[in-house]
PDB file of N, CA and C in Angstrom:
ATOM      1  N   MET A   1       0.842  -1.288  -0.062  1.00  0.00           N
ATOM      2  CA  MET A   1       0.167  -0.308  -0.112  1.00  0.00           C
ATOM      3  C   MET A   1       0.988   1.435   0.262  1.00  0.00           C
ATOM      4  N   LYS A   2       1.968   1.282   0.692  1.00  0.00           N
ATOM      5  CA  LYS A   2       2.569   2.281   1.048  1.00  0.00           C
ATOM      6  C   LYS A   2       3.530   2.599  -0.339  1.00  0.00           C
ATOM      7  N   ARG A   3       4.307   1.186  -1.297  1.00  0.00           N
ATOM      8  CA  ARG A   3       4.686   1.365  -2.260  1.00  0.00           C
ATOM      9  C   ARG A   3       3.765   2.093  -3.279  1.00  0.00           C
ATOM     10  N   LYS A   4       3.034   1.955  -3.551  1.00  0.00           N
ATOM     11  CA  LYS A   4       1.651   2.122  -4.649  1.00  0.00           C
ATOM     12  C   LYS A   4       0.945   3.997  -3.974  1.00  0.00           C
ATOM     13  N   PHE A   5       1.317   4.075  -2.969  1.00  0.00           N
ATOM     14  CA  PHE A   5       1.079   5.696  -2.461  1.00  0.00           C
ATOM     15  C   PHE A   5       1.891   6.607  -2.295  1.00  0.00           C
ATOM     16  N   MET A   6       3.122   5.852  -2.736  1.00  0.00           N
ATOM     17  CA  MET A   6       4.414   6.591  -2.939  1.00  0.00           C
ATOM     18  C   MET A   6       4.234   6.568  -4.834  1.00  0.00           C
ATOM     19  N   GLY A   7       4.967   5.456  -4.955  1.00  0.00           N
ATOM     20  CA  GLY A   7       4.311   5.719  -6.839  1.00  0.00           C
ATOM     21  C   GLY A   7       3.450   6.553  -7.367  1.00  0.00           C
ATOM     22  N   ALA A   8       1.730   6.770  -6.852  1.00  0.00           N
ATOM     23  CA  ALA A   8       1.079   7.612  -7.009  1.00  0.00           C
ATOM     24  C   ALA A   8       1.685   9.552  -7.214  1.00  0.00           C
ATOM     25  N   ALA A   9       2.556   9.469  -5.552  1.00  0.00           N
ATOM     26  CA  ALA A   9       2.557  11.174  -5.263  1.00  0.00           C
ATOM     27  C   ALA A   9       4.049  11.149  -6.033  1.00  0.00           C
ATOM     28  N   GLY A  10       4.986  10.559  -6.587  1.00  0.00           N
ATOM     29  CA  GLY A  10       6.100  11.050  -7.673  1.00  0.00           C
ATOM     30  C   GLY A  10       5.264  10.637  -9.413  1.00  0.00           C
ATOM     31  N   LEU A  11       4.534   9.987  -9.514  1.00  0.00           N
ATOM     32  CA  LEU A  11       3.647  10.158 -11.091  1.00  0.00           C
ATOM     33  C   LEU A  11       2.799  11.502 -10.604  1.00  0.00           C
ATOM     34  N   LEU A  12       2.426  11.948  -9.568  1.00  0.00           N
ATOM     35  CA  LEU A  12       1.691  13.166  -9.526  1.00  0.00           C
ATOM     36  C   LEU A  12       3.042  14.485  -9.720  1.00  0.00           C
ATOM     37  N   MET A  13       4.092  14.444  -8.686  1.00  0.00           N
ATOM     38  CA  MET A  13       4.792  15.277  -8.971  1.00  0.00           C
ATOM     39  C   MET A  13       5.308  15.669 -10.811  1.00  0.00           C
ATOM     40  N   LEU A  14       5.724  14.087 -11.235  1.00  0.00           N
ATOM     41  CA  LEU A  14       5.996  14.277 -12.133  1.00  0.00           C
ATOM     42  C   LEU A  14       4.468  15.167 -13.146  1.00  0.00           C
ATOM     43  N   LEU A  15       4.106  14.859 -12.692  1.00  0.00           N
ATOM     44  CA  LEU A  15       2.799  15.160 -13.885  1.00  0.00           C
ATOM     45  C   LEU A  15       2.618  17.316 -13.322  1.00  0.00           C
ATOM     46  N   GLY A  16       3.038  17.744 -12.662  1.00  0.00           N
ATOM     47  CA  GLY A  16       2.665  18.351 -11.896  1.00  0.00           C
ATOM     48  C   GLY A  16       4.730  19.662 -12.025  1.00  0.00           C
ATOM     49  N   SER A  17       5.086  19.169 -13.414  1.00  0.00           N
ATOM     50  CA  SER A  17       6.897  19.951 -13.818  1.00  0.00           C
ATOM     51  C   SER A  17       6.257  20.949 -14.784  1.00  0.00           C
ATOM     52  N   PRO A  18       5.250  20.745 -15.402  1.00  0.00           N
ATOM     53  CA  PRO A  18       5.403  21.532 -16.744  1.00  0.00           C
ATOM     54  C   PRO A  18       5.135  22.858 -16.496  1.00  0.00           C
ATOM     55  N   ILE A  19       4.809  23.025 -15.157  1.00  0.00           N
ATOM     56  CA  ILE A  19       4.727  24.573 -14.685  1.00  0.00           C
ATOM     57  C   ILE A  19       6.906  25.137 -14.433  1.00  0.00           C
ATOM     58  N   PHE A  20       6.926  23.813 -14.543  1.00  0.00           N
ATOM     59  CA  PHE A  20       8.872  25.314 -15.004  1.00  0.00           C
ATOM     60  C   PHE A  20       8.910  25.319 -15.905  1.00  0.00           C
ATOM     61  N   ALA A  21       8.562  24.803 -16.892  1.00  0.00           N
ATOM     62  CA  ALA A  21       8.959  25.084 -18.464  1.00  0.00           C
ATOM     63  C   ALA A  21       9.363  25.998 -19.328  1.00  0.00           C
ATOM     64  N   GLN A  22       8.233  27.096 -19.064  1.00  0.00           N
ATOM     65  CA  GLN A  22       8.830  28.287 -20.048  1.00  0.00           C
ATOM     66  C   GLN A  22       9.578  29.380 -18.544  1.00  0.00           C
ATOM     67  N   THR A  23      10.176  29.949 -19.220  1.00  0.00           N
ATOM     68  CA  THR A  23      10.815  30.604 -18.543  1.00  0.00           C
ATOM     69  C   THR A  23       9.678  32.125 -18.642  1.00  0.00           C
ATOM     70  N   PRO A  24       9.922  33.099 -18.016  1.00  0.00           N
ATOM     71  CA  PRO A  24       8.887  34.298 -17.192  1.00  0.00           C
ATOM     72  C   PRO A  24       9.181  35.166 -18.574  1.00  0.00           C
ATOM     73  N   ALA A  25       9.382  35.906 -19.140  1.00  0.00           N
ATOM     74  CA  ALA A  25       8.879  37.041 -20.412  1.00  0.00           C
ATOM     75  C   ALA A  25      10.113  38.210 -19.827  1.00  0.00           C
ATOM     76  N   GLY A  26       9.973  38.507 -18.787  1.00  0.00           N
ATOM     77  CA  GLY A  26      11.022  40.145 -17.716  1.00  0.00           C
ATOM     78  C   GLY A  26      12.401  39.390 -17.682  1.00  0.00           C
ATOM     79  N   GLY A  27      12.685  38.278 -17.578  1.00  0.00           N
ATOM     80  CA  GLY A  27      13.599  37.837 -17.220  1.00  0.00           C
ATOM     81  C   GLY A  27      14.058  36.244 -16.754  1.00  0.00           C
ATOM     82  N   GLY A  28      15.220  35.877 -16.603  1.00  0.00           N
ATOM     83  CA  GLY A  28      15.243  34.080 -16.067  1.00  0.00           C
ATOM     84  C   GLY A  28      14.913  34.080 -15.028  1.00  0.00           C
ATOM     85  N   THR A  29      14.356  34.589 -14.015  1.00  0.00           N
ATOM     86  CA  THR A  29      14.491  34.107 -12.888  1.00  0.00           C
ATOM     87  C   THR A  29      12.930  33.805 -12.770  1.00  0.00           C
ATOM     88  N   THR A  30      12.552  32.300 -11.396  1.00  0.00           N
ATOM     89  CA  THR A  30      11.773  32.323 -11.503  1.00  0.00           C
ATOM     90  C   THR A  30      11.120  33.223 -10.061  1.00  0.00           C
ATOM     91  N   ASP A  31      10.085  33.125  -9.853  1.00  0.00           N
ATOM     92  CA  ASP A  31       8.960  33.630  -8.433  1.00  0.00           C
ATOM     93  C   ASP A  31       8.767  32.110  -7.980  1.00  0.00           C
ATOM     94  N   TRP A  32       9.622  31.310  -6.609  1.00  0.00           N
ATOM     95  CA  TRP A  32       9.255  30.316  -6.300  1.00  0.00           C
ATOM     96  C   TRP A  32       7.524  30.178  -5.470  1.00  0.00           C
ATOM     97  N   HIS A  33       7.275  31.481  -5.218  1.00  0.00           N
ATOM     98  CA  HIS A  33       6.555  31.633  -4.117  1.00  0.00           C
ATOM     99  C   HIS A  33       5.225  30.554  -4.333  1.00  0.00           C
ATOM    100  N   LEU A  34       4.397  30.936  -5.246  1.00  0.00           N
ATOM    101  CA  LEU A  34       3.069  30.218  -5.962  1.00  0.00           C
ATOM    102  C   LEU A  34       3.522  28.784  -6.049  1.00  0.00           C
ATOM    103  N   PRO A  35       4.332  28.775  -6.321  1.00  0.00           N
ATOM    104  CA  PRO A  35       4.527  26.787  -5.937  1.00  0.00           C
ATOM    105  C   PRO A  35       4.815  25.995  -4.926  1.00  0.00           C
ATOM    106  N   PHE A  36       5.624  27.044  -4.226  1.00  0.00           N
ATOM    107  CA  PHE A  36       5.708  26.337  -2.414  1.00  0.00           C
ATOM    108  C   PHE A  36       4.414  27.495  -1.469  1.00  0.00           C
ATOM    109  N   ALA A  37       3.497  27.917  -2.425  1.00  0.00           N
ATOM    110  CA  ALA A  37       1.985  28.136  -0.929  1.00  0.00           C
ATOM    111  C   ALA A  37       1.652  27.139  -1.473  1.00  0.00           C
ATOM    112  N   TYR A  38       1.135  26.455  -2.897  1.00  0.00           N
ATOM    113  CA  TYR A  38       0.215  25.787  -3.614  1.00  0.00           C
ATOM    114  C   TYR A  38       0.796  23.984  -2.656  1.00  0.00           C
ATOM    115  N   LEU A  39       2.320  24.049  -2.951  1.00  0.00           N
ATOM    116  CA  LEU A  39       2.743  23.054  -1.770  1.00  0.00           C
ATOM    117  C   LEU A  39       2.179  22.781  -0.433  1.00  0.00           C
ATOM    118  N   ALA A  40       2.702  23.674   0.573  1.00  0.00           N
ATOM    119  CA  ALA A  40       1.440  23.847   1.352  1.00  0.00           C
ATOM    120  C   ALA A  40       0.350  23.594   2.010  1.00  0.00           C
ATOM    121  N   MET A  41      -0.137  24.733   0.578  1.00  0.00           N
ATOM    122  CA  MET A  41      -1.583  24.037   0.456  1.00  0.00           C
ATOM    123  C   MET A  41      -1.864  22.919   0.953  1.00  0.00           C
ATOM    124  N   GLY A  42      -1.221  21.707  -0.076  1.00  0.00           N
ATOM    125  CA  GLY A  42      -2.034  20.357  -0.265  1.00  0.00           C
ATOM    126  C   GLY A  42      -1.216  19.772   1.529  1.00  0.00           C
ATOM    127  N   ILE A  43       0.155  20.031   1.570  1.00  0.00           N
ATOM    128  CA  ILE A  43       0.222  19.697   3.200  1.00  0.00           C
ATOM    129  C   ILE A  43      -0.390  19.744   4.022  1.00  0.00           C
ATOM    130  N   ALA A  44      -0.998  20.986   4.424  1.00  0.00           N
ATOM    131  CA  ALA A  44      -1.615  21.556   5.297  1.00  0.00           C
ATOM    132  C   ALA A  44      -2.760  21.087   5.391  1.00  0.00           C
ATOM    133  N   SER A  45      -3.464  20.719   4.065  1.00  0.00           N
ATOM    134  CA  SER A  45      -5.097  20.142   3.691  1.00  0.00           C
ATOM    135  C   SER A  45      -4.927  18.796   4.253  1.00  0.00           C
ATOM    136  N   GLY A  46      -4.284  18.110   3.343  1.00  0.00           N
ATOM    137  CA  GLY A  46      -3.888  16.685   4.339  1.00  0.00           C
ATOM    138  C   GLY A  46      -3.749  16.536   5.569  1.00  0.00           C
ATOM    139  N   LEU A  47      -2.985  16.879   6.074  1.00  0.00           N
ATOM    140  CA  LEU A  47      -2.632  16.705   7.047  1.00  0.00           C
ATOM    141  C   LEU A  47      -3.992  16.921   8.332  1.00  0.00           C
ATOM    142  N   CYS A  48      -4.859  18.691   7.854  1.00  0.00           N
ATOM    143  CA  CYS A  48      -5.771  18.394   7.863  1.00  0.00           C
ATOM    144  C   CYS A  48      -6.953  17.496   7.938  1.00  0.00           C
ATOM    145  N   GLY A  49      -7.015  17.098   7.395  1.00  0.00           N
ATOM    146  CA  GLY A  49      -8.005  15.641   6.696  1.00  0.00           C
ATOM    147  C   GLY A  49      -7.641  14.621   8.315  1.00  0.00           C
ATOM    148  N   LEU A  50      -6.670  14.236   8.003  1.00  0.00           N
ATOM    149  CA  LEU A  50      -5.701  12.732   9.538  1.00  0.00           C
ATOM    150  C   LEU A  50      -5.784  13.700  10.747  1.00  0.00           C
ATOM    151  N   GLY A  51      -5.918  14.727  10.912  1.00  0.00           N
ATOM    152  CA  GLY A  51      -5.826  14.917  12.104  1.00  0.00           C
ATOM    153  C   GLY A  51      -7.755  15.043  12.737  1.00  0.00           C
ATOM    154  N   GLN A  52      -8.248  15.530  12.035  1.00  0.00           N
ATOM    155  CA  GLN A  52      -9.965  15.445  11.500  1.00  0.00           C
ATOM    156  C   GLN A  52     -10.352  13.982  11.856  1.00  0.00           C
ATOM    157  N   GLY A  53     -10.356  13.514  11.100  1.00  0.00           N
ATOM    158  CA  GLY A  53     -10.292  11.978  10.943  1.00  0.00           C
ATOM    159  C   GLY A  53     -10.266  11.166  12.526  1.00  0.00           C
ATOM    160  N   LYS A  54      -8.719  11.255  12.685  1.00  0.00           N
ATOM    161  CA  LYS A  54      -7.995  11.007  13.950  1.00  0.00           C
ATOM    162  C   LYS A  54      -9.401  11.517  15.010  1.00  0.00           C
ATOM    163  N   ALA A  55      -9.229  12.824  15.357  1.00  0.00           N
ATOM    164  CA  ALA A  55     -10.111  13.370  16.157  1.00  0.00           C
ATOM    165  C   ALA A  55     -11.987  12.944  16.099  1.00  0.00           C
ATOM    166  N   VAL A  56     -12.289  12.686  15.053  1.00  0.00           N
ATOM    167  CA  VAL A  56     -13.887  12.622  15.110  1.00  0.00           C
ATOM    168  C   VAL A  56     -14.081  10.583  15.373  1.00  0.00           C
ATOM    169  N   ALA A  57     -12.670   9.760  15.079  1.00  0.00           N
ATOM    170  CA  ALA A  57     -12.556   8.427  15.339  1.00  0.00           C
ATOM    171  C   ALA A  57     -12.337   8.866  17.071  1.00  0.00           C
ATOM    172  N   SER A  58     -11.338   8.651  17.513  1.00  0.00           N
ATOM    173  CA  SER A  58     -11.628   9.422  19.332  1.00  0.00           C
ATOM    174  C   SER A  58     -12.715   9.676  19.592  1.00  0.00           C
ATOM    175  N   ALA A  59     -13.913  10.769  19.101  1.00  0.00           N
ATOM    176  CA  ALA A  59     -14.412  11.279  19.604  1.00  0.00           C
ATOM    177  C   ALA A  59     -15.826   9.856  19.748  1.00  0.00           C
ATOM    178  N   THR A  60     -15.851   9.192  18.486  1.00  0.00           N
ATOM    179  CA  THR A  60     -16.811   8.091  18.677  1.00  0.00           C
ATOM    180  C   THR A  60     -16.108   7.538  19.366  1.00  0.00           C
ATOM    181  N   GLU A  61     -14.897   6.873  19.414  1.00  0.00           N
ATOM    182  CA  GLU A  61     -14.781   5.774  20.801  1.00  0.00           C
ATOM    183  C   GLU A  61     -15.407   6.340  22.078  1.00  0.00           C
ATOM    184  N   GLY A  62     -14.778   7.390  22.421  1.00  0.00           N
ATOM    185  CA  GLY A  62     -15.375   8.261  23.743  1.00  0.00           C
ATOM    186  C   GLY A  62     -17.167   7.508  23.600  1.00  0.00           C
ATOM    187  N   MET A  63     -17.476   8.347  22.630  1.00  0.00           N
ATOM    188  CA  MET A  63     -19.148   8.219  23.040  1.00  0.00           C
ATOM    189  C   MET A  63     -18.822   7.134  23.338  1.00  0.00           C
ATOM    190  N   ALA A  64     -19.324   6.132  22.118  1.00  0.00           N
ATOM    191  CA  ALA A  64     -19.176   4.602  22.779  1.00  0.00           C
ATOM    192  C   ALA A  64     -19.099   4.607  24.382  1.00  0.00           C
ATOM    193  N   ARG A  65     -17.770   5.034  24.780  1.00  0.00           N
ATOM    194  CA  ARG A  65     -17.924   3.790  26.473  1.00  0.00           C
ATOM    195  C   ARG A  65     -18.086   4.884  27.457  1.00  0.00           C
ATOM    196  N   ASN A  66     -18.750   5.865  27.039  1.00  0.00           N
ATOM    197  CA  ASN A  66     -19.717   6.646  28.350  1.00  0.00           C
ATOM    198  C   ASN A  66     -20.635   7.570  27.860  1.00  0.00           C
ATOM    199  N   PRO A  67     -21.734   6.820  27.522  1.00  0.00           N
ATOM    200  CA  PRO A  67     -22.414   7.898  26.136  1.00  0.00           C
ATOM    201  C   PRO A  67     -23.086   8.775  27.868  1.00  0.00           C
ATOM    202  N   GLY A  68     -22.849   8.854  28.484  1.00  0.00           N
ATOM    203  CA  GLY A  68     -23.624   9.707  29.567  1.00  0.00           C
ATOM    204  C   GLY A  68     -22.713  11.490  29.255  1.00  0.00           C
ATOM    205  N   ALA A  69     -21.511  11.245  28.361  1.00  0.00           N
ATOM    206  CA  ALA A  69     -20.776  12.638  28.312  1.00  0.00           C
ATOM    207  C   ALA A  69     -20.935  12.609  27.225  1.00  0.00           C
ATOM    208  N   ALA A  70     -21.841  12.178  26.272  1.00  0.00           N
ATOM    209  CA  ALA A  70     -21.583  12.410  24.778  1.00  0.00           C
ATOM    210  C   ALA A  70     -21.597  14.186  24.448  1.00  0.00           C
ATOM    211  N   ALA A  71     -22.499  15.157  25.025  1.00  0.00           N
ATOM    212  CA  ALA A  71     -22.337  15.904  24.506  1.00  0.00           C
ATOM    213  C   ALA A  71     -21.601  17.150  24.734  1.00  0.00           C
ATOM    214  N   ALA A  72     -21.215  16.907  26.276  1.00  0.00           N
ATOM    215  CA  ALA A  72     -19.456  17.330  26.771  1.00  0.00           C
ATOM    216  C   ALA A  72     -18.468  16.404  25.214  1.00  0.00           C
ATOM    217  N   ILE A  73     -18.375  15.315  24.785  1.00  0.00           N
ATOM    218  CA  ILE A  73     -17.152  14.972  23.936  1.00  0.00           C
ATOM    219  C   ILE A  73     -18.215  15.537  22.912  1.00  0.00           C
ATOM    220  N   ARG A  74     -19.028  15.946  21.646  1.00  0.00           N
ATOM    221  CA  ARG A  74     -19.494  16.515  20.786  1.00  0.00           C
ATOM    222  C   ARG A  74     -19.099  17.850  21.243  1.00  0.00           C
ATOM    223  N   GLY A  75     -19.352  18.230  21.641  1.00  0.00           N
ATOM    224  CA  GLY A  75     -18.658  19.781  22.247  1.00  0.00           C
ATOM    225  C   GLY A  75     -17.379  20.267  22.410  1.00  0.00           C
ATOM    226  N   ALA A  76     -16.374  19.259  22.806  1.00  0.00           N
ATOM    227  CA  ALA A  76     -15.212  19.431  22.622  1.00  0.00           C
ATOM    228  C   ALA A  76     -14.511  19.154  20.977  1.00  0.00           C
ATOM    229  N   LEU A  77     -15.081  17.863  20.404  1.00  0.00           N
ATOM    230  CA  LEU A  77     -14.719  17.988  18.979  1.00  0.00           C
ATOM    231  C   LEU A  77     -15.648  18.581  18.050  1.00  0.00           C
ATOM    232  N   ILE A  78     -16.308  19.231  17.786  1.00  0.00           N
ATOM    233  CA  ILE A  78     -16.929  20.379  17.441  1.00  0.00           C
ATOM    234  C   ILE A  78     -15.742  21.637  17.302  1.00  0.00           C
ATOM    235  N   LEU A  79     -15.587  21.950  18.795  1.00  0.00           N
ATOM    236  CA  LEU A  79     -14.737  23.117  18.776  1.00  0.00           C
ATOM    237  C   LEU A  79     -13.191  22.884  18.203  1.00  0.00           C
ATOM    238  N   GLY A  80     -12.986  21.642  18.333  1.00  0.00           N
ATOM    239  CA  GLY A  80     -10.911  21.373  18.126  1.00  0.00           C
ATOM    240  C   GLY A  80     -11.328  21.128  16.588  1.00  0.00           C
ATOM    241  N   LEU A  81     -12.178  20.098  15.609  1.00  0.00           N
ATOM    242  CA  LEU A  81     -12.896  20.476  14.313  1.00  0.00           C
ATOM    243  C   LEU A  81     -12.367  22.009  14.019  1.00  0.00           C
ATOM    244  N   VAL A  82     -13.096  22.123  14.247  1.00  0.00           N
ATOM    245  CA  VAL A  82     -12.944  24.138  13.872  1.00  0.00           C
ATOM    246  C   VAL A  82     -11.600  24.314  13.867  1.00  0.00           C
ATOM    247  N   LEU A  83     -10.832  24.214  15.354  1.00  0.00           N
ATOM    248  CA  LEU A  83      -9.362  24.373  15.074  1.00  0.00           C
ATOM    249  C   LEU A  83      -8.690  24.018  14.077  1.00  0.00           C
ATOM    250  N   ILE A  84      -8.800  22.444  14.266  1.00  0.00           N
ATOM    251  CA  ILE A  84      -8.290  22.271  12.974  1.00  0.00           C
ATOM    252  C   ILE A  84      -8.375  22.458  11.351  1.00  0.00           C
ATOM    253  N   GLU A  85      -9.465  22.968  10.999  1.00  0.00           N
ATOM    254  CA  GLU A  85     -10.194  23.570  10.383  1.00  0.00           C
ATOM    255  C   GLU A  85      -9.754  25.019  10.011  1.00  0.00           C
ATOM    256  N   SER A  86      -8.896  25.433  11.130  1.00  0.00           N
ATOM    257  CA  SER A  86      -9.085  26.788  10.490  1.00  0.00           C
ATOM    258  C   SER A  86      -7.608  27.010   9.913  1.00  0.00           C
ATOM    259  N   LEU A  87      -6.618  25.988  10.226  1.00  0.00           N
ATOM    260  CA  LEU A  87      -4.900  25.250  10.023  1.00  0.00           C
ATOM    261  C   LEU A  87      -5.208  26.113   7.875  1.00  0.00           C
ATOM    262  N   ALA A  88      -6.169  25.147   7.537  1.00  0.00           N
ATOM    263  CA  ALA A  88      -6.465  24.563   6.684  1.00  0.00           C
ATOM    264  C   ALA A  88      -6.661  26.087   5.438  1.00  0.00           C
ATOM    265  N   LEU A  89      -7.738  27.352   6.647  1.00  0.00           N
ATOM    266  CA  LEU A  89      -8.153  28.339   5.210  1.00  0.00           C
ATOM    267  C   LEU A  89      -6.834  29.094   5.627  1.00  0.00           C
ATOM    268  N   TYR A  90      -5.962  29.089   6.999  1.00  0.00           N
ATOM    269  CA  TYR A  90      -5.259  29.855   6.313  1.00  0.00           C
ATOM    270  C   TYR A  90      -3.821  29.662   5.641  1.00  0.00           C
ATOM    271  N   THR A  91      -3.895  28.521   5.687  1.00  0.00           N
ATOM    272  CA  THR A  91      -3.132  28.219   4.294  1.00  0.00           C
ATOM    273  C   THR A  91      -3.857  28.387   3.185  1.00  0.00           C
ATOM    274  N   LEU A  92      -4.730  28.864   2.607  1.00  0.00           N
ATOM    275  CA  LEU A  92      -5.428  28.546   1.769  1.00  0.00           C
ATOM    276  C   LEU A  92      -5.325  30.594   1.675  1.00  0.00           C
ATOM    277  N   VAL A  93      -5.126  31.039   2.727  1.00  0.00           N
ATOM    278  CA  VAL A  93      -5.206  33.297   2.303  1.00  0.00           C
ATOM    279  C   VAL A  93      -4.112  33.262   2.259  1.00  0.00           C
ATOM    280  N   ILE A  94      -2.694  32.060   2.731  1.00  0.00           N
ATOM    281  CA  ILE A  94      -1.405  32.684   2.558  1.00  0.00           C
ATOM    282  C   ILE A  94      -1.402  32.423   0.501  1.00  0.00           C
ATOM    283  N   THR A  95      -2.147  31.139   0.182  1.00  0.00           N
ATOM    284  CA  THR A  95      -1.920  31.157  -1.051  1.00  0.00           C
ATOM    285  C   THR A  95      -2.910  32.149  -1.854  1.00  0.00           C
ATOM    286  N   TYR A  96      -3.225  32.259  -1.555  1.00  0.00           N
ATOM    287  CA  TYR A  96      -3.601  34.331  -1.502  1.00  0.00           C
ATOM    288  C   TYR A  96      -3.081  35.244  -1.764  1.00  0.00           C
ATOM    289  N   VAL A  97      -2.411  35.366  -0.929  1.00  0.00           N
ATOM    290  CA  VAL A  97      -1.267  36.855  -0.632  1.00  0.00           C
ATOM    291  C   VAL A  97      -0.146  36.205  -1.427  1.00  0.00           C
ATOM    292  N   ALA A  98       0.240  35.097  -1.836  1.00  0.00           N
ATOM    293  CA  ALA A  98       1.267  34.585  -2.648  1.00  0.00           C
ATOM    294  C   ALA A  98       1.092  35.018  -3.923  1.00  0.00           C
ATOM    295  N   LYS A  99      -0.214  34.841  -4.512  1.00  0.00           N
ATOM    296  CA  LYS A  99      -0.376  35.949  -5.759  1.00  0.00           C
ATOM    297  C   LYS A  99       0.121  36.719  -6.120  1.00  0.00           C
TER     298      LYS A  99
END
């Protein structure tokens, strides 16, 4: 499974390489802000998805073990998901600023 994932990631990197094929008209320098901003957005979104999945799994397990505390666990879960999602939103704002 890990080998397939790494192969797919390598293939996506190779497919994304034409972004560097053409030099800008103004000179020979390449602006690296935008590609790195997109890379950061991808990493942040992936890690936020993993974090949200782990948070939901843990909250579900906690509610199953102690049904009486389900309301408190649900409130903490929603607060945690909001804070995790804010990381992806901040990174999205940074990608728009990098343009």
